[in-house]
Amino acid sequence: MSDIINAAKVISQELLKIPKIWDGKTSIVQMKEAGYSHWRQMEWIGFYFQFLCENYLSNLLKIPGPKFGKVQFDAFYEVPWDFKAHAINTSSHQIIVNDSIAISNGIKEFGSVGVILALGEVEYNDNDRSFQKWHQSIKGELSKYEIERIQRGAWSRLRKVSFDLKQISFILINDDTLMKSGSFQKDFRNSDGTPRKAKVLLDLEKIDDEIIMVIDF
């Protein structure tokens, strides 16, 4: 455990250098110009944090991390790590982590797996959806996700337009954590009828000992 805590301390010193305010347009353009493949994603905040981690931590962590089946962790340093971002000014305190089987295999091989979680306040798109229209204009054609949503007649969610980073938490997941965690998309199926793999749903209100370090901004 001490080696992992020391690793978190080293990582945290580099993450203190990342920007605190993430403007949506600026962040997306930055990812686009860098050739980062996920710049088109609607939930850009999580991908931008991953983008920042890959840029600021590439000299410390092995990026990407170990792979279990088709699922690959974002990085490795003592244990496999995933990078996640979550809005604190919402009613939900649950985050979707990774494939349940991959996490179980990671715990089996390394004793635990980790999540580096950015927490902050988000601002949403105005009712005119100007940010969404701007994002669509630079993406060009509609994504497969958007086409399917329109065909279903589903409501288009308001987009997050900015993120004010407040805290980064280092969370370790072991077998005990899995016992008090939920599951996401367990009974979901893909469009071709094949079942989707269940993902671990981590409830931030149910974890305490798992948080090994916190850095505030």
Protein backbone atom coordinates (compact mmCIF):
# COMPACT_ATOMS: atom_id res chain seq x y z
CA MET A 1 0.00 0.00 0.00
CA SER A 2 2.82 2.42 0.83
CA ASP A 3 4.21 2.08 -2.70
CA ILE A 4 0.83 3.00 -4.16
CA ILE A 5 0.46 6.00 -1.84
CA ASN A 6 3.94 7.17 -2.84
CA ALA A 7 2.96 6.76 -6.48
CA ALA A 8 -0.14 8.89 -5.88
CA LYS A 9 2.01 11.58 -4.26
CA VAL A 10 4.32 11.70 -7.28
CA ILE A 11 1.40 11.80 -9.71
CA SER A 12 -0.36 14.51 -7.70
CA GLN A 13 2.62 16.87 -8.00
CA GLU A 14 2.30 16.80 -11.77
CA LEU A 15 -1.49 17.07 -11.78
CA LEU A 16 -1.31 20.26 -9.71
CA LYS A 17 0.06 21.86 -12.89
CA ILE A 18 -3.02 21.22 -15.04
CA PRO A 19 -5.47 24.08 -15.77
CA LYS A 20 -8.27 24.65 -13.25
CA ILE A 21 -10.88 26.09 -15.63
CA TRP A 22 -11.75 24.02 -18.70
CA ASP A 23 -13.65 25.96 -21.33
CA GLY A 24 -15.49 23.57 -23.62
CA LYS A 25 -14.67 25.20 -26.95
CA THR A 26 -11.02 25.79 -26.08
CA SER A 27 -10.60 22.25 -24.75
CA ILE A 28 -12.23 20.61 -27.76
CA VAL A 29 -10.18 22.66 -30.22
CA GLN A 30 -7.03 21.80 -28.27
CA MET A 31 -7.80 18.08 -28.53
CA LYS A 32 -8.72 18.40 -32.21
CA GLU A 33 -5.51 20.23 -33.11
CA ALA A 34 -3.46 17.65 -31.19
CA GLY A 35 -5.05 14.85 -33.22
CA TYR A 36 -6.69 13.36 -30.14
CA SER A 37 -9.26 10.87 -31.40
CA HIS A 38 -11.98 11.64 -28.83
CA TRP A 39 -12.45 15.36 -29.50
CA ARG A 40 -15.84 14.72 -31.13
CA GLN A 41 -17.33 13.12 -28.00
CA MET A 42 -20.34 14.80 -26.41
CA GLU A 43 -19.08 14.06 -22.87
CA TRP A 44 -15.86 15.92 -23.58
CA ILE A 45 -14.94 16.61 -19.94
CA GLY A 46 -13.88 13.05 -19.17
CA PHE A 47 -11.92 12.77 -22.39
CA TYR A 48 -10.26 16.14 -21.81
CA PHE A 49 -9.08 15.02 -18.38
CA GLN A 50 -7.69 11.87 -19.97
CA PHE A 51 -6.01 14.07 -22.60
CA LEU A 52 -4.45 16.24 -19.87
CA CYS A 53 -3.27 13.21 -17.89
CA GLU A 54 -1.66 11.67 -20.95
CA ASN A 55 0.19 14.93 -21.63
CA TYR A 56 1.26 15.73 -18.07
CA LEU A 57 1.96 12.20 -16.84
CA SER A 58 3.55 10.50 -19.84
CA ASN A 59 7.00 10.71 -18.20
CA LEU A 60 5.76 9.03 -15.02
CA LEU A 61 3.14 6.46 -15.98
CA LYS A 62 3.04 3.71 -18.54
CA ILE A 63 0.33 4.90 -20.94
CA PRO A 64 -1.80 3.05 -21.87
CA GLY A 65 -1.95 0.57 -19.02
CA PRO A 66 -2.44 -3.22 -18.98
CA LYS A 67 -5.08 -4.88 -21.12
CA PHE A 68 -7.50 -7.58 -20.04
CA GLY A 69 -9.35 -9.07 -22.98
CA LYS A 70 -10.41 -6.13 -25.11
CA VAL A 71 -10.43 -3.67 -22.19
CA GLN A 72 -7.36 -1.53 -21.56
CA PHE A 73 -6.71 0.63 -18.52
CA ASP A 74 -5.62 4.21 -19.12
CA ALA A 75 -2.27 3.94 -17.33
CA PHE A 76 -0.08 1.93 -14.98
CA TYR A 77 2.03 2.94 -11.98
CA GLU A 78 2.21 0.24 -9.27
CA VAL A 79 -1.44 -0.60 -10.18
CA PRO A 80 -3.63 -0.02 -13.26
CA TRP A 81 -5.28 3.43 -13.26
CA ASP A 82 -8.23 4.93 -15.09
CA PHE A 83 -8.81 8.67 -15.48
CA LYS A 84 -12.34 9.93 -14.78
CA ALA A 85 -14.08 13.29 -14.36
CA HIS A 86 -17.35 13.97 -12.55
CA ALA A 87 -19.58 16.98 -11.92
CA ILE A 88 -20.23 17.71 -8.25
CA ASN A 89 -23.17 20.06 -8.87
CA THR A 90 -25.51 17.24 -9.92
CA SER A 91 -27.83 14.92 -8.02
CA SER A 92 -25.84 11.81 -8.99
CA HIS A 93 -22.89 10.67 -6.91
CA GLN A 94 -22.18 7.55 -8.95
CA ILE A 95 -19.51 7.16 -11.59
CA ILE A 96 -19.22 4.46 -14.23
CA VAL A 97 -15.77 2.98 -13.93
CA ASN A 98 -14.67 0.13 -16.18
CA ASP A 99 -15.61 -3.35 -17.35
CA SER A 100 -16.38 -5.55 -14.33
CA ILE A 101 -14.36 -8.50 -15.59
CA ALA A 102 -11.34 -6.34 -16.44
CA ILE A 103 -11.43 -4.75 -12.98
CA SER A 104 -11.71 -8.15 -11.31
CA ASN A 105 -8.74 -9.42 -13.32
CA GLY A 106 -6.76 -6.29 -12.48
CA ILE A 107 -7.44 -6.78 -8.77
CA LYS A 108 -6.50 -10.44 -9.03
CA GLU A 109 -3.14 -9.62 -10.67
CA PHE A 110 -2.17 -6.42 -8.85
CA GLY A 111 -4.20 -6.48 -5.61
CA SER A 112 -6.23 -3.40 -6.55
CA VAL A 113 -6.91 -0.99 -9.40
CA GLY A 114 -7.10 2.77 -9.16
CA VAL A 115 -9.19 5.67 -10.34
CA ILE A 116 -7.83 9.20 -10.61
CA LEU A 117 -11.01 11.25 -10.38
CA ALA A 118 -11.34 14.94 -11.25
CA LEU A 119 -14.26 16.60 -9.46
CA GLY A 120 -15.59 20.02 -10.37
CA GLU A 121 -18.55 22.27 -11.05
CA VAL A 122 -19.99 22.31 -14.56
CA GLU A 123 -21.91 24.91 -16.49
CA TYR A 124 -24.51 23.71 -18.99
CA ASN A 125 -25.45 24.86 -22.47
CA ASP A 126 -28.06 27.59 -22.76
CA ASN A 127 -31.58 26.74 -23.92
CA ASP A 128 -30.66 27.80 -27.46
CA ARG A 129 -28.00 25.06 -27.38
CA SER A 130 -25.40 27.33 -28.97
CA PHE A 131 -22.51 25.22 -27.66
CA GLN A 132 -24.06 22.05 -29.04
CA LYS A 133 -24.58 23.71 -32.42
CA TRP A 134 -20.98 24.94 -32.44
CA HIS A 135 -19.67 21.46 -31.59
CA GLN A 136 -21.78 19.91 -34.32
CA SER A 137 -20.56 22.48 -36.84
CA ILE A 138 -16.90 21.55 -36.37
CA LYS A 139 -17.64 17.81 -36.23
CA GLY A 140 -19.41 17.86 -39.59
CA GLU A 141 -21.74 14.92 -40.14
CA LEU A 142 -23.85 13.49 -37.35
CA SER A 143 -22.35 10.72 -35.25
CA LYS A 144 -23.86 7.24 -35.21
CA TYR A 145 -25.01 7.95 -31.64
CA GLU A 146 -26.84 11.12 -32.72
CA ILE A 147 -28.47 9.41 -35.69
CA GLU A 148 -29.74 6.59 -33.47
CA ARG A 149 -31.00 9.12 -30.88
CA ILE A 150 -32.94 11.03 -33.53
CA GLN A 151 -34.41 7.81 -34.90
CA ARG A 152 -35.58 6.86 -31.40
CA GLY A 153 -37.02 10.32 -30.85
CA ALA A 154 -35.00 10.62 -27.65
CA TRP A 155 -34.40 13.97 -25.95
CA SER A 156 -31.01 15.58 -26.57
CA ARG A 157 -29.28 16.34 -23.27
CA LEU A 158 -27.88 19.77 -22.50
CA ARG A 159 -24.14 19.84 -23.08
CA LYS A 160 -21.58 20.80 -20.47
CA VAL A 161 -19.84 23.98 -21.63
CA SER A 162 -17.23 24.42 -18.89
CA PHE A 163 -15.68 22.68 -15.91
CA ASP A 164 -14.24 24.32 -12.80
CA LEU A 165 -11.82 21.81 -11.26
CA LYS A 166 -12.14 21.64 -7.47
CA GLN A 167 -10.48 18.42 -6.44
CA ILE A 168 -8.68 15.31 -7.69
CA SER A 169 -9.16 12.11 -5.68
CA PHE A 170 -7.09 8.94 -5.87
CA ILE A 171 -9.35 5.93 -5.30
CA LEU A 172 -8.31 2.30 -4.92
CA ILE A 173 -10.76 -0.44 -5.80
CA ASN A 174 -10.40 -3.94 -4.38
CA ASP A 175 -12.70 -6.90 -3.87
CA ASP A 176 -14.32 -5.28 -0.83
CA THR A 177 -15.12 -2.19 -2.90
CA LEU A 178 -16.80 -4.31 -5.56
CA MET A 179 -19.05 -5.82 -2.89
CA LYS A 180 -20.59 -2.39 -2.20
CA SER A 181 -20.60 -1.15 -5.79
CA GLY A 182 -23.39 -1.31 -8.30
CA SER A 183 -23.43 -2.45 -11.90
CA PHE A 184 -24.16 -0.49 -15.06
CA GLN A 185 -25.61 -1.82 -18.34
CA LYS A 186 -25.72 -5.36 -16.91
CA ASP A 187 -28.83 -6.21 -18.88
CA PHE A 188 -28.19 -3.90 -21.83
CA ARG A 189 -27.72 -5.15 -25.37
CA ASN A 190 -25.96 -3.75 -28.41
CA SER A 191 -27.88 -2.90 -31.57
CA ASP A 192 -27.02 -6.35 -32.98
CA GLY A 193 -28.56 -8.05 -29.95
CA THR A 194 -25.32 -9.08 -28.26
CA PRO A 195 -25.15 -8.35 -24.51
CA ARG A 196 -23.05 -5.43 -23.33
CA LYS A 197 -20.45 -6.12 -20.68
CA ALA A 198 -21.42 -4.90 -17.23
CA LYS A 199 -19.42 -2.01 -15.79
CA VAL A 200 -18.70 -1.21 -12.17
CA LEU A 201 -20.82 1.64 -10.81
CA LEU A 202 -18.93 3.35 -8.00
CA ASP A 203 -21.00 5.24 -5.42
CA LEU A 204 -18.93 8.11 -4.05
CA GLU A 205 -21.11 8.27 -0.94
CA LYS A 206 -20.24 4.69 -0.01
CA ILE A 207 -16.46 4.91 -0.23
CA ASP A 208 -14.10 6.26 2.42
CA ASP A 209 -11.08 4.03 3.09
CA GLU A 210 -10.71 3.64 -0.68
CA ILE A 211 -9.74 7.31 -1.05
CA ILE A 212 -5.99 7.31 -0.46
CA MET A 213 -5.27 10.92 -1.42
CA VAL A 214 -7.05 14.16 -2.28
CA ILE A 215 -5.61 17.32 -3.83
CA ASP A 216 -7.59 20.55 -3.80
CA PHE A 217 -7.55 23.37 -6.33
